[in-house]
Protein backbone atom coordinates (compact mmCIF):
# COMPACT_ATOMS: atom_id res chain seq x y z
CA MET A 1 0.00 0.00 0.00
CA ASN A 2 1.38 3.39 -0.98
CA SER A 3 -0.13 6.08 1.22
CA ALA A 4 0.95 9.71 1.15
CA ARG A 5 2.84 10.93 4.19
CA ARG A 6 1.18 13.61 6.28
CA CYS A 7 2.58 16.71 7.97
CA SER A 8 4.20 15.93 11.34
CA ARG A 9 2.68 18.99 13.02
CA THR A 10 -0.05 18.21 15.55
CA ALA A 11 -3.60 18.41 14.14
CA CYS A 12 -2.38 19.05 10.58
CA GLY A 13 -3.65 16.51 8.07
CA ARG A 14 -2.17 18.04 4.91
CA ALA A 15 0.22 16.10 2.69
CA ALA A 16 3.91 16.53 3.46
CA VAL A 17 6.07 18.20 0.82
CA ASN A 18 9.33 18.82 2.73
CA THR A 19 11.47 17.07 5.32
CA LEU A 20 13.06 18.88 8.26
CA THR A 21 16.16 17.52 9.97
CA TYR A 22 18.32 19.04 12.69
CA VAL A 23 22.12 19.03 12.71
CA TYR A 24 22.72 19.60 16.40
CA ALA A 25 26.51 19.83 16.12
CA ASP A 26 26.20 22.75 13.68
CA GLN A 27 23.07 24.27 15.25
CA THR A 28 21.38 24.08 11.87
CA ALA A 29 17.86 23.12 10.81
CA VAL A 30 17.84 21.71 7.27
CA LEU A 31 14.59 21.89 5.29
CA GLY A 32 14.69 20.04 1.99
CA PRO A 33 12.49 18.15 -0.45
CA LEU A 34 10.43 15.29 0.96
CA ALA A 35 12.74 12.41 1.82
CA THR A 36 12.25 9.12 -0.02
CA PHE A 37 11.58 7.27 3.24
CA ALA A 38 10.16 8.43 6.55
CA GLU A 39 12.99 8.70 9.07
CA PRO A 40 12.46 8.54 12.84
CA HIS A 41 14.55 11.68 13.54
CA ALA A 42 13.16 13.79 10.71
CA TYR A 43 9.90 15.71 10.44
CA ASP A 44 7.75 15.81 7.31
CA LEU A 45 6.04 19.17 6.83
CA CYS A 46 3.29 20.50 4.55
CA GLY A 47 3.88 23.61 2.43
CA GLU A 48 2.31 26.00 4.96
CA HIS A 49 4.33 24.73 7.92
CA SER A 50 7.51 24.67 5.77
CA GLU A 51 7.09 28.37 4.95
CA ARG A 52 6.44 29.35 8.59
CA LEU A 53 9.37 27.31 9.95
CA SER A 54 11.59 29.04 12.48
CA ALA A 55 14.59 27.65 14.32
CA PRO A 56 15.73 28.14 17.92
CA ARG A 57 17.58 31.38 18.70
CA GLY A 58 21.16 31.19 17.43
CA TRP A 59 20.39 28.43 14.95
CA GLU A 60 20.58 28.74 11.17
CA VAL A 61 17.83 27.50 8.83
CA LEU A 62 19.17 26.00 5.63
CA ARG A 63 16.49 25.67 2.92
CA LEU A 64 17.37 23.31 0.11
CA GLY A 65 15.41 23.56 -3.14
CA PRO A 66 14.30 20.53 -5.12
CA ASP A 67 16.84 18.98 -7.45
CA PRO A 68 15.60 19.79 -10.99
CA ALA A 69 17.35 16.70 -12.38
CA ALA A 70 15.35 14.46 -10.04
CA ALA A 71 12.01 15.84 -11.24
CA GLY A 72 11.72 13.61 -14.28
CA PRO A 73 13.09 10.46 -15.81
CA THR A 74 16.78 10.39 -16.62
CA ASN A 75 18.31 9.33 -19.93
CA ASP A 76 19.23 6.00 -18.30
CA ASP A 77 15.59 5.44 -17.31
CA LEU A 78 14.39 6.17 -20.83
CA LEU A 79 17.01 3.93 -22.43
CA ALA A 80 16.15 1.08 -20.05
CA LEU A 81 12.46 1.49 -20.91
CA ALA A 82 13.21 1.47 -24.65
CA ASP A 83 15.34 -1.68 -24.25
CA ALA A 84 12.54 -3.40 -22.31
CA VAL A 85 10.01 -2.53 -25.01
CA ARG A 86 12.32 -3.84 -27.74
CA GLU A 87 12.92 -7.05 -25.76
CA ALA A 88 9.19 -7.58 -25.23
CA ALA A 89 8.49 -7.04 -28.95
CA ARG A 90 11.00 -9.69 -30.08
CA PRO A 91 9.46 -12.97 -31.20
CA PRO A 92 10.31 -15.85 -28.86
CA ALA A 93 13.22 -18.02 -29.94
CA ALA A 94 12.29 -21.52 -31.09
CA PRO A 95 13.04 -24.09 -28.35
CA ALA A 96 15.93 -26.41 -29.06
CA ALA A 97 14.66 -29.94 -29.81
CA THR A 98 16.08 -32.81 -27.80
CA SER A 99 16.16 -36.51 -28.64
CA GLY A 100 12.92 -36.98 -26.65
CA GLY A 101 11.18 -34.35 -28.76
CA SER A 102 10.38 -32.00 -25.89
CA ALA A 103 11.93 -28.76 -24.76
CA PRO A 104 14.49 -28.99 -21.97
CA ALA A 105 13.24 -28.52 -18.44
CA GLY A 106 13.94 -25.20 -16.79
CA PRO A 107 15.86 -24.69 -13.59
CA THR A 108 14.73 -25.93 -10.24
CA GLY A 109 12.54 -23.36 -8.44
CA PRO A 110 12.84 -22.25 -4.82
CA ALA A 111 10.56 -25.05 -3.56
CA GLY A 112 12.34 -27.76 -5.57
CA GLU A 113 9.84 -27.52 -8.42
CA THR A 114 11.02 -27.91 -11.97
CA GLY A 115 9.34 -26.30 -14.93
CA ARG A 116 9.68 -25.65 -18.60
CA GLU A 117 10.90 -22.24 -19.69
CA THR A 118 8.16 -20.65 -21.81
CA GLY A 119 9.48 -17.11 -22.17
CA ARG A 120 12.24 -14.72 -21.21
CA ARG A 121 12.37 -10.99 -20.49
CA GLY A 122 15.93 -9.87 -19.83
CA HIS A 123 17.08 -11.68 -16.69
CA LEU A 124 13.53 -12.92 -15.88
CA ARG A 125 12.16 -16.27 -17.07
CA VAL A 126 8.59 -17.50 -17.37
CA LEU A 127 8.25 -21.13 -16.23
CA SER A 128 5.32 -23.51 -16.52
CA PRO A 129 5.02 -26.50 -14.20
CA GLU A 130 6.01 -29.93 -15.57
CA GLY A 131 3.25 -31.56 -17.55
CA GLU A 132 1.31 -28.35 -18.34
CA PRO A 133 1.17 -27.32 -21.97
CA THR A 134 2.98 -24.14 -22.95
CA HIS A 135 1.25 -21.44 -24.94
């Protein structure tokens, strides 16, 4: 389940957009883009509470803007997607015939089951249980 994180401020139910962390050694409060994972020593804040943030007297508030490069897919992401689409569009290779006339059995699965390889997508294989027809 992927639920949106909420603002850490009491009685605020708005969605969090920033994460606040404290660097005690430097007396600095760091407010940056919402962290990927909720951390126990960080506070997720909504936009309103992020704008009104103040730090203890003598502390500095460091506001980090969002990384523009992280906003969208990277070239590597797009190339990986294109490769996956090309791989999926390739016709399946004909199975190698054995002396028994059937395709070789696939590897043993985690529960000791063996199956016949019916397809392949990159490093993933599609296996059917022994005795079931392949499509």
